[in-house]
Amino acid sequence: MDLLTLENPVFCCYLFWATVLVVKMLLMSLLTALQRFRYKLLGLVPLALRRKVFPNEEDLFFKNIEVQFDDPRVERVRRAHRNDMENILPYFIMALIYVCTNPNPMIACNLFRLAAIARIVHTLVYAVVAVPQPSRILAFATMLIITFYMAAVVALRTLRFI
């Protein structure tokens, strides 16, 4: 059976939601840049108080700007982006292996959908609008539990071949 083809609805669902997560991760880079230019772009702050935050000397193409490593808004987005890389990348691998076990399409597609939505919510409550806990831990734990579930299914289905 060809599980990794566009004829397999589970694989197609995986591809769609993986694409959503990749785009979300790419947008995190843009959100970091937006935070660096936050006051410059808004134009609402008087010119003397506008801040541009750059972590490297070579990025200082504006005059009278100092290198700054610790802007809280920039660092919050960077931490959220790092959290994405630490959690979404292992999920991609595990979910693709899970697709190879020929899971129930309804269960698999709902897991892919829920995991992607949880990561989007995690970004919103962490990097966009800081919402108090437990919002962030619930969004984080949702994908983590789904990834562990998929790992357990794969392990149980392949255990007999060891």
N, C-alpha and C. Protein backbone atom coordinates (compact mmCIF):
# COMPACT_ATOMS: atom_id res chain seq x y z
N MET A 1 0.84 -1.18 0.00
CA MET A 1 0.00 0.00 0.00
C MET A 1 0.89 1.25 0.00
N ASP A 2 0.54 2.21 -0.82
CA ASP A 2 1.30 3.45 -0.92
C ASP A 2 0.75 4.47 0.08
N LEU A 3 1.41 4.59 1.21
CA LEU A 3 0.94 5.48 2.26
C LEU A 3 1.41 6.92 2.08
N LEU A 4 2.54 7.09 1.40
CA LEU A 4 3.09 8.44 1.23
C LEU A 4 2.83 8.95 -0.18
N THR A 5 1.57 8.92 -0.56
CA THR A 5 1.14 9.44 -1.86
C THR A 5 -0.05 10.37 -1.66
N LEU A 6 -0.35 11.14 -2.67
CA LEU A 6 -1.48 12.06 -2.57
C LEU A 6 -2.83 11.33 -2.65
N GLU A 7 -2.80 10.04 -2.88
CA GLU A 7 -4.04 9.25 -2.83
C GLU A 7 -4.42 8.90 -1.39
N ASN A 8 -3.48 9.02 -0.48
CA ASN A 8 -3.74 8.71 0.93
C ASN A 8 -4.24 9.98 1.63
N PRO A 9 -5.50 10.00 2.09
CA PRO A 9 -6.03 11.20 2.74
C PRO A 9 -5.28 11.58 4.02
N VAL A 10 -4.75 10.61 4.72
CA VAL A 10 -3.99 10.90 5.94
C VAL A 10 -2.71 11.65 5.59
N PHE A 11 -2.02 11.19 4.56
CA PHE A 11 -0.79 11.86 4.14
C PHE A 11 -1.09 13.28 3.64
N CYS A 12 -2.17 13.44 2.89
CA CYS A 12 -2.55 14.78 2.41
C CYS A 12 -2.87 15.71 3.58
N CYS A 13 -3.55 15.19 4.56
CA CYS A 13 -3.86 16.00 5.75
C CYS A 13 -2.58 16.39 6.48
N TYR A 14 -1.67 15.43 6.61
CA TYR A 14 -0.36 15.72 7.22
C TYR A 14 0.35 16.81 6.44
N LEU A 15 0.39 16.69 5.11
CA LEU A 15 1.07 17.69 4.29
C LEU A 15 0.47 19.08 4.48
N PHE A 16 -0.86 19.15 4.50
CA PHE A 16 -1.50 20.45 4.66
C PHE A 16 -1.14 21.10 6.00
N TRP A 17 -1.31 20.35 7.10
CA TRP A 17 -1.06 20.93 8.42
C TRP A 17 0.42 21.16 8.68
N ALA A 18 1.29 20.34 8.09
CA ALA A 18 2.73 20.59 8.18
C ALA A 18 3.08 21.88 7.46
N THR A 19 2.44 22.12 6.33
CA THR A 19 2.66 23.37 5.60
C THR A 19 2.22 24.57 6.41
N VAL A 20 1.07 24.46 7.07
CA VAL A 20 0.59 25.54 7.94
C VAL A 20 1.63 25.83 9.02
N LEU A 21 2.19 24.80 9.63
CA LEU A 21 3.18 24.99 10.69
C LEU A 21 4.48 25.57 10.16
N VAL A 22 4.91 25.17 8.97
CA VAL A 22 6.12 25.74 8.38
C VAL A 22 5.91 27.23 8.12
N VAL A 23 4.79 27.59 7.56
CA VAL A 23 4.50 29.01 7.31
C VAL A 23 4.46 29.77 8.62
N LYS A 24 3.86 29.18 9.64
CA LYS A 24 3.82 29.83 10.96
C LYS A 24 5.22 30.08 11.49
N MET A 25 6.10 29.08 11.33
CA MET A 25 7.48 29.24 11.81
C MET A 25 8.22 30.31 11.00
N LEU A 26 7.98 30.38 9.70
CA LEU A 26 8.60 31.43 8.89
C LEU A 26 8.10 32.81 9.30
N LEU A 27 6.83 32.90 9.64
CA LEU A 27 6.28 34.17 10.09
C LEU A 27 6.88 34.61 11.42
N MET A 28 7.37 33.67 12.21
CA MET A 28 8.01 34.03 13.48
C MET A 28 9.27 34.86 13.21
N SER A 29 9.99 34.56 12.15
CA SER A 29 11.17 35.37 11.80
C SER A 29 10.75 36.80 11.47
N LEU A 30 9.66 36.92 10.74
CA LEU A 30 9.16 38.27 10.41
C LEU A 30 8.66 38.99 11.65
N LEU A 31 8.04 38.25 12.57
CA LEU A 31 7.57 38.86 13.81
C LEU A 31 8.76 39.36 14.64
N THR A 32 9.85 38.62 14.63
CA THR A 32 11.06 39.08 15.33
C THR A 32 11.55 40.39 14.72
N ALA A 33 11.61 40.44 13.41
CA ALA A 33 12.04 41.67 12.73
C ALA A 33 11.09 42.82 13.03
N LEU A 34 9.81 42.54 13.04
CA LEU A 34 8.83 43.57 13.35
C LEU A 34 9.04 44.12 14.76
N GLN A 35 9.34 43.25 15.70
CA GLN A 35 9.61 43.70 17.07
C GLN A 35 10.87 44.57 17.13
N ARG A 36 11.87 44.25 16.30
CA ARG A 36 13.09 45.05 16.29
C ARG A 36 12.82 46.47 15.80
N PHE A 37 11.90 46.64 14.87
CA PHE A 37 11.57 47.95 14.30
C PHE A 37 10.29 48.52 14.90
N ARG A 38 9.81 47.93 15.95
CA ARG A 38 8.50 48.24 16.50
C ARG A 38 8.20 49.74 16.58
N TYR A 39 9.02 50.49 17.22
CA TYR A 39 8.74 51.91 17.42
C TYR A 39 9.00 52.72 16.16
N LYS A 40 9.93 52.30 15.36
CA LYS A 40 10.23 52.98 14.11
C LYS A 40 9.04 52.86 13.16
N LEU A 41 8.47 51.66 13.05
CA LEU A 41 7.37 51.43 12.12
C LEU A 41 6.07 52.07 12.58
N LEU A 42 5.84 52.06 13.87
CA LEU A 42 4.59 52.61 14.37
C LEU A 42 4.50 54.11 14.16
N GLY A 43 5.61 54.80 14.32
CA GLY A 43 5.63 56.24 14.12
C GLY A 43 4.83 57.00 15.17
N LEU A 44 4.37 56.32 16.20
CA LEU A 44 3.57 56.96 17.22
C LEU A 44 4.42 57.54 18.35
N VAL A 45 5.65 57.15 18.39
CA VAL A 45 6.54 57.58 19.45
C VAL A 45 7.38 58.74 18.91
N PRO A 46 7.62 59.76 19.71
CA PRO A 46 8.46 60.86 19.24
C PRO A 46 9.81 60.35 18.73
N LEU A 47 10.34 61.02 17.73
CA LEU A 47 11.56 60.59 17.06
C LEU A 47 12.71 60.34 18.03
N ALA A 48 12.84 61.18 19.03
CA ALA A 48 13.95 61.04 19.98
C ALA A 48 13.83 59.76 20.82
N LEU A 49 12.62 59.23 20.97
CA LEU A 49 12.40 58.05 21.80
C LEU A 49 12.27 56.76 21.00
N ARG A 50 12.23 56.86 19.68
CA ARG A 50 12.07 55.65 18.87
C ARG A 50 13.26 54.74 19.03
N ARG A 51 12.97 53.46 19.12
CA ARG A 51 14.03 52.48 19.33
C ARG A 51 14.05 51.48 18.20
N LYS A 52 15.25 51.11 17.82
CA LYS A 52 15.45 50.03 16.88
C LYS A 52 16.43 49.09 17.55
N VAL A 53 16.11 47.83 17.61
CA VAL A 53 16.88 46.88 18.40
C VAL A 53 17.62 45.93 17.46
N PHE A 54 18.94 45.94 17.53
CA PHE A 54 19.75 45.08 16.67
C PHE A 54 20.80 44.37 17.52
N PRO A 55 21.00 43.07 17.29
CA PRO A 55 21.96 42.33 18.09
C PRO A 55 23.37 42.28 17.50
N ASN A 56 23.57 42.84 16.30
CA ASN A 56 24.87 42.76 15.64
C ASN A 56 25.34 44.13 15.17
N GLU A 57 26.62 44.39 15.29
CA GLU A 57 27.18 45.66 14.84
C GLU A 57 26.90 45.92 13.36
N GLU A 58 27.02 44.87 12.53
CA GLU A 58 26.86 45.05 11.09
C GLU A 58 25.42 45.38 10.69
N ASP A 59 24.47 45.18 11.60
CA ASP A 59 23.07 45.50 11.31
C ASP A 59 22.74 46.96 11.56
N LEU A 60 23.66 47.70 12.09
CA LEU A 60 23.39 49.08 12.49
C LEU A 60 23.53 50.02 11.29
N PHE A 61 22.55 50.01 10.42
CA PHE A 61 22.62 50.88 9.25
C PHE A 61 21.94 52.22 9.51
N PHE A 62 21.41 52.41 10.71
CA PHE A 62 20.90 53.71 11.12
C PHE A 62 21.96 54.39 11.98
N LYS A 63 21.97 55.70 11.98
CA LYS A 63 22.93 56.43 12.79
C LYS A 63 22.48 56.49 14.25
N ASN A 64 23.46 56.58 15.11
CA ASN A 64 23.21 56.75 16.55
C ASN A 64 22.37 55.62 17.16
N ILE A 65 22.67 54.40 16.76
CA ILE A 65 21.98 53.25 17.33
C ILE A 65 23.02 52.35 17.98
N GLU A 66 22.66 51.81 19.13
CA GLU A 66 23.57 50.91 19.82
C GLU A 66 23.07 49.48 19.71
N VAL A 67 24.00 48.56 19.81
CA VAL A 67 23.64 47.14 19.83
C VAL A 67 22.89 46.86 21.12
N GLN A 68 21.81 46.09 21.01
CA GLN A 68 21.03 45.74 22.20
C GLN A 68 20.62 44.28 22.11
N PHE A 69 20.91 43.53 23.17
CA PHE A 69 20.63 42.10 23.19
C PHE A 69 19.42 41.73 24.02
N ASP A 70 18.90 42.63 24.81
CA ASP A 70 17.95 42.22 25.84
C ASP A 70 16.59 42.91 25.77
N ASP A 71 16.15 43.29 24.59
CA ASP A 71 14.83 43.89 24.49
C ASP A 71 13.78 42.81 24.83
N PRO A 72 12.92 43.07 25.79
CA PRO A 72 11.99 42.02 26.25
C PRO A 72 11.02 41.54 25.16
N ARG A 73 10.56 42.43 24.31
CA ARG A 73 9.62 42.02 23.25
C ARG A 73 10.30 41.14 22.21
N VAL A 74 11.50 41.53 21.82
CA VAL A 74 12.25 40.74 20.84
C VAL A 74 12.59 39.38 21.44
N GLU A 75 13.05 39.37 22.68
CA GLU A 75 13.44 38.11 23.31
C GLU A 75 12.25 37.17 23.51
N ARG A 76 11.08 37.72 23.78
CA ARG A 76 9.88 36.89 23.94
C ARG A 76 9.56 36.18 22.63
N VAL A 77 9.62 36.91 21.51
CA VAL A 77 9.35 36.29 20.21
C VAL A 77 10.42 35.26 19.88
N ARG A 78 11.67 35.58 20.18
CA ARG A 78 12.76 34.63 19.91
C ARG A 78 12.60 33.35 20.73
N ARG A 79 12.17 33.49 21.99
CA ARG A 79 11.94 32.29 22.81
C ARG A 79 10.79 31.45 22.25
N ALA A 80 9.75 32.11 21.79
CA ALA A 80 8.62 31.39 21.19
C ALA A 80 9.06 30.67 19.91
N HIS A 81 9.89 31.32 19.12
CA HIS A 81 10.39 30.71 17.89
C HIS A 81 11.28 29.51 18.21
N ARG A 82 12.14 29.66 19.20
CA ARG A 82 13.00 28.54 19.61
C ARG A 82 12.14 27.37 20.13
N ASN A 83 11.09 27.69 20.87
CA ASN A 83 10.19 26.66 21.36
C ASN A 83 9.52 25.93 20.20
N ASP A 84 9.17 26.67 19.15
CA ASP A 84 8.63 26.03 17.95
C ASP A 84 9.61 25.03 17.36
N MET A 85 10.84 25.45 17.21
CA MET A 85 11.84 24.56 16.61
C MET A 85 12.08 23.32 17.48
N GLU A 86 12.05 23.49 18.78
CA GLU A 86 12.27 22.37 19.68
C GLU A 86 11.10 21.38 19.70
N ASN A 87 9.91 21.83 19.33
CA ASN A 87 8.74 20.97 19.44
C ASN A 87 8.12 20.59 18.10
N ILE A 88 8.10 21.51 17.16
CA ILE A 88 7.48 21.22 15.87
C ILE A 88 8.34 20.28 15.03
N LEU A 89 9.64 20.46 15.04
CA LEU A 89 10.49 19.60 14.22
C LEU A 89 10.41 18.12 14.63
N PRO A 90 10.50 17.79 15.92
CA PRO A 90 10.28 16.38 16.30
C PRO A 90 8.87 15.89 15.96
N TYR A 91 7.89 16.77 16.10
CA TYR A 91 6.52 16.40 15.75
C TYR A 91 6.43 16.03 14.27
N PHE A 92 7.06 16.82 13.40
CA PHE A 92 7.04 16.51 11.96
C PHE A 92 7.53 15.09 11.69
N ILE A 93 8.65 14.74 12.31
CA ILE A 93 9.23 13.41 12.10
C ILE A 93 8.30 12.33 12.63
N MET A 94 7.81 12.51 13.84
CA MET A 94 6.95 11.50 14.45
C MET A 94 5.64 11.37 13.69
N ALA A 95 5.07 12.47 13.26
CA ALA A 95 3.80 12.43 12.53
C ALA A 95 3.97 11.74 11.18
N LEU A 96 5.08 11.95 10.52
CA LEU A 96 5.31 11.28 9.24
C LEU A 96 5.47 9.77 9.44
N ILE A 97 6.18 9.39 10.48
CA ILE A 97 6.30 7.97 10.79
C ILE A 97 4.93 7.40 11.15
N TYR A 98 4.14 8.16 11.87
CA TYR A 98 2.78 7.74 12.23
C TYR A 98 1.92 7.51 10.99
N VAL A 99 2.06 8.37 9.99
CA VAL A 99 1.34 8.19 8.72
C VAL A 99 1.66 6.82 8.13
N CYS A 100 2.90 6.37 8.28
CA CYS A 100 3.34 5.08 7.72
C CYS A 100 2.72 3.89 8.42
N THR A 101 2.06 4.09 9.55
CA THR A 101 1.39 2.98 10.25
C THR A 101 -0.04 2.79 9.76
N ASN A 102 -0.45 3.59 8.77
CA ASN A 102 -1.80 3.51 8.21
C ASN A 102 -2.86 3.70 9.29
N PRO A 103 -2.83 4.85 9.98
CA PRO A 103 -3.79 5.07 11.08
C PRO A 103 -5.19 5.36 10.55
N ASN A 104 -6.14 5.35 11.46
CA ASN A 104 -7.51 5.72 11.14
C ASN A 104 -7.49 7.17 10.62
N PRO A 105 -8.02 7.43 9.42
CA PRO A 105 -7.96 8.78 8.84
C PRO A 105 -8.61 9.85 9.71
N MET A 106 -9.74 9.54 10.32
CA MET A 106 -10.42 10.55 11.13
C MET A 106 -9.58 10.93 12.35
N ILE A 107 -9.04 9.92 13.02
CA ILE A 107 -8.21 10.19 14.21
C ILE A 107 -6.95 10.94 13.81
N ALA A 108 -6.27 10.47 12.78
CA ALA A 108 -5.01 11.09 12.37
C ALA A 108 -5.20 12.54 11.95
N CYS A 109 -6.20 12.78 11.12
CA CYS A 109 -6.42 14.15 10.64
C CYS A 109 -6.80 15.10 11.78
N ASN A 110 -7.59 14.60 12.72
CA ASN A 110 -7.93 15.44 13.87
C ASN A 110 -6.71 15.71 14.75
N LEU A 111 -5.82 14.73 14.88
CA LEU A 111 -4.59 14.96 15.65
C LEU A 111 -3.72 16.00 14.96
N PHE A 112 -3.56 15.91 13.64
CA PHE A 112 -2.75 16.89 12.90
C PHE A 112 -3.35 18.29 13.05
N ARG A 113 -4.65 18.36 12.92
CA ARG A 113 -5.35 19.65 13.02
C ARG A 113 -5.19 20.24 14.42
N LEU A 114 -5.42 19.42 15.43
CA LEU A 114 -5.33 19.89 16.82
C LEU A 114 -3.91 20.33 17.17
N ALA A 115 -2.93 19.57 16.72
CA ALA A 115 -1.53 19.94 17.01
C ALA A 115 -1.17 21.28 16.38
N ALA A 116 -1.58 21.49 15.14
CA ALA A 116 -1.27 22.75 14.46
C ALA A 116 -1.98 23.93 15.14
N ILE A 117 -3.23 23.75 15.46
CA ILE A 117 -3.98 24.82 16.13
C ILE A 117 -3.36 25.12 17.50
N ALA A 118 -2.94 24.08 18.21
CA ALA A 118 -2.31 24.30 19.52
C ALA A 118 -1.04 25.13 19.39
N ARG A 119 -0.24 24.87 18.36
CA ARG A 119 1.00 25.65 18.19
C ARG A 119 0.70 27.09 17.78
N ILE A 120 -0.33 27.28 17.00
CA ILE A 120 -0.72 28.66 16.64
C ILE A 120 -1.18 29.40 17.88
N VAL A 121 -2.00 28.73 18.70
CA VAL A 121 -2.45 29.35 19.96
C VAL A 121 -1.25 29.62 20.86
N HIS A 122 -0.29 28.71 20.92
CA HIS A 122 0.91 28.91 21.73
C HIS A 122 1.63 30.19 21.31
N THR A 123 1.77 30.39 20.02
CA THR A 123 2.42 31.60 19.53
C THR A 123 1.63 32.84 19.91
N LEU A 124 0.33 32.78 19.76
CA LEU A 124 -0.50 33.95 20.07
C LEU A 124 -0.41 34.33 21.54
N VAL A 125 -0.46 33.33 22.44
CA VAL A 125 -0.46 33.64 23.87
C VAL A 125 0.94 33.85 24.43
N TYR A 126 1.96 33.56 23.65
CA TYR A 126 3.34 33.73 24.12
C TYR A 126 4.00 34.94 23.47
N ALA A 127 3.94 35.02 22.15
CA ALA A 127 4.72 36.03 21.43
C ALA A 127 3.92 37.23 20.98
N VAL A 128 2.63 37.09 20.81
CA VAL A 128 1.84 38.20 20.28
C VAL A 128 1.18 38.98 21.41
N VAL A 129 0.38 38.29 22.22
CA VAL A 129 -0.28 38.90 23.38
C VAL A 129 0.05 38.02 24.58
N ALA A 130 0.83 38.53 25.49
CA ALA A 130 1.24 37.73 26.65
C ALA A 130 0.02 37.46 27.53
N VAL A 131 -0.40 36.20 27.53
CA VAL A 131 -1.55 35.76 28.33
C VAL A 131 -1.00 34.94 29.48
N PRO A 132 -1.52 35.14 30.69
CA PRO A 132 -1.01 34.39 31.84
C PRO A 132 -1.20 32.88 31.69
N GLN A 133 -0.40 32.15 32.43
CA GLN A 133 -0.54 30.70 32.48
C GLN A 133 -1.91 30.38 33.06
N PRO A 134 -2.51 29.29 32.74
CA PRO A 134 -1.98 28.10 32.10
C PRO A 134 -2.15 28.07 30.58
N SER A 135 -2.46 29.18 29.96
CA SER A 135 -2.74 29.18 28.52
C SER A 135 -1.58 28.62 27.71
N ARG A 136 -0.38 29.08 28.00
CA ARG A 136 0.78 28.64 27.22
C ARG A 136 1.10 27.18 27.48
N ILE A 137 1.04 26.72 28.70
CA ILE A 137 1.37 25.33 29.01
C ILE A 137 0.32 24.40 28.41
N LEU A 138 -0.94 24.80 28.36
CA LEU A 138 -1.97 23.97 27.74
C LEU A 138 -1.72 23.82 26.24
N ALA A 139 -1.38 24.91 25.59
CA ALA A 139 -1.09 24.85 24.15
C ALA A 139 0.16 24.02 23.90
N PHE A 140 1.18 24.21 24.73
CA PHE A 140 2.41 23.43 24.60
C PHE A 140 2.15 21.94 24.82
N ALA A 141 1.43 21.62 25.88
CA ALA A 141 1.20 20.23 26.26
C ALA A 141 0.34 19.50 25.23
N THR A 142 -0.52 20.21 24.55
CA THR A 142 -1.39 19.57 23.56
C THR A 142 -0.55 18.90 22.47
N MET A 143 0.37 19.64 21.88
CA MET A 143 1.20 19.02 20.83
C MET A 143 2.12 17.96 21.43
N LEU A 144 2.64 18.20 22.60
CA LEU A 144 3.53 17.23 23.23
C LEU A 144 2.81 15.89 23.45
N ILE A 145 1.61 15.94 23.96
CA ILE A 145 0.83 14.73 24.20
C ILE A 145 0.50 14.03 22.88
N ILE A 146 0.15 14.80 21.86
CA ILE A 146 -0.13 14.21 20.55
C ILE A 146 1.11 13.52 20.00
N THR A 147 2.27 14.15 20.14
CA THR A 147 3.51 13.55 19.65
C THR A 147 3.82 12.26 20.41
N PHE A 148 3.65 12.27 21.71
CA PHE A 148 3.86 11.04 22.50
C PHE A 148 2.85 9.96 22.12
N TYR A 149 1.62 10.34 21.88
CA TYR A 149 0.60 9.37 21.45
C TYR A 149 1.02 8.70 20.14
N MET A 150 1.43 9.52 19.18
CA MET A 150 1.87 8.97 17.90
C MET A 150 3.08 8.05 18.08
N ALA A 151 4.00 8.45 18.94
CA ALA A 151 5.18 7.61 19.20
C ALA A 151 4.76 6.27 19.81
N ALA A 152 3.78 6.31 20.71
CA ALA A 152 3.30 5.07 21.34
C ALA A 152 2.64 4.16 20.31
N VAL A 153 1.84 4.74 19.43
CA VAL A 153 1.18 3.95 18.39
C VAL A 153 2.23 3.30 17.49
N VAL A 154 3.21 4.07 17.06
CA VAL A 154 4.27 3.53 16.19
C VAL A 154 5.02 2.42 16.91
N ALA A 155 5.38 2.67 18.16
CA ALA A 155 6.13 1.67 18.92
C ALA A 155 5.33 0.37 19.07
N LEU A 156 4.07 0.49 19.41
CA LEU A 156 3.23 -0.71 19.60
C LEU A 156 3.01 -1.47 18.31
N ARG A 157 2.86 -0.75 17.21
CA ARG A 157 2.64 -1.43 15.93
C ARG A 157 3.90 -2.05 15.35
N THR A 158 5.04 -1.58 15.77
CA THR A 158 6.31 -2.12 15.22
C THR A 158 7.03 -3.02 16.21
N LEU A 159 6.56 -3.11 17.43
CA LEU A 159 7.22 -3.89 18.47
C LEU A 159 7.37 -5.37 18.08
N ARG A 160 6.39 -5.90 17.41
CA ARG A 160 6.43 -7.32 17.05
C ARG A 160 7.52 -7.66 16.03
N PHE A 161 8.09 -6.64 15.37
CA PHE A 161 9.12 -6.88 14.38
C PHE A 161 10.52 -6.81 14.96
N ILE A 162 10.64 -6.52 16.22
CA ILE A 162 11.96 -6.39 16.86
C ILE A 162 12.44 -7.74 17.31
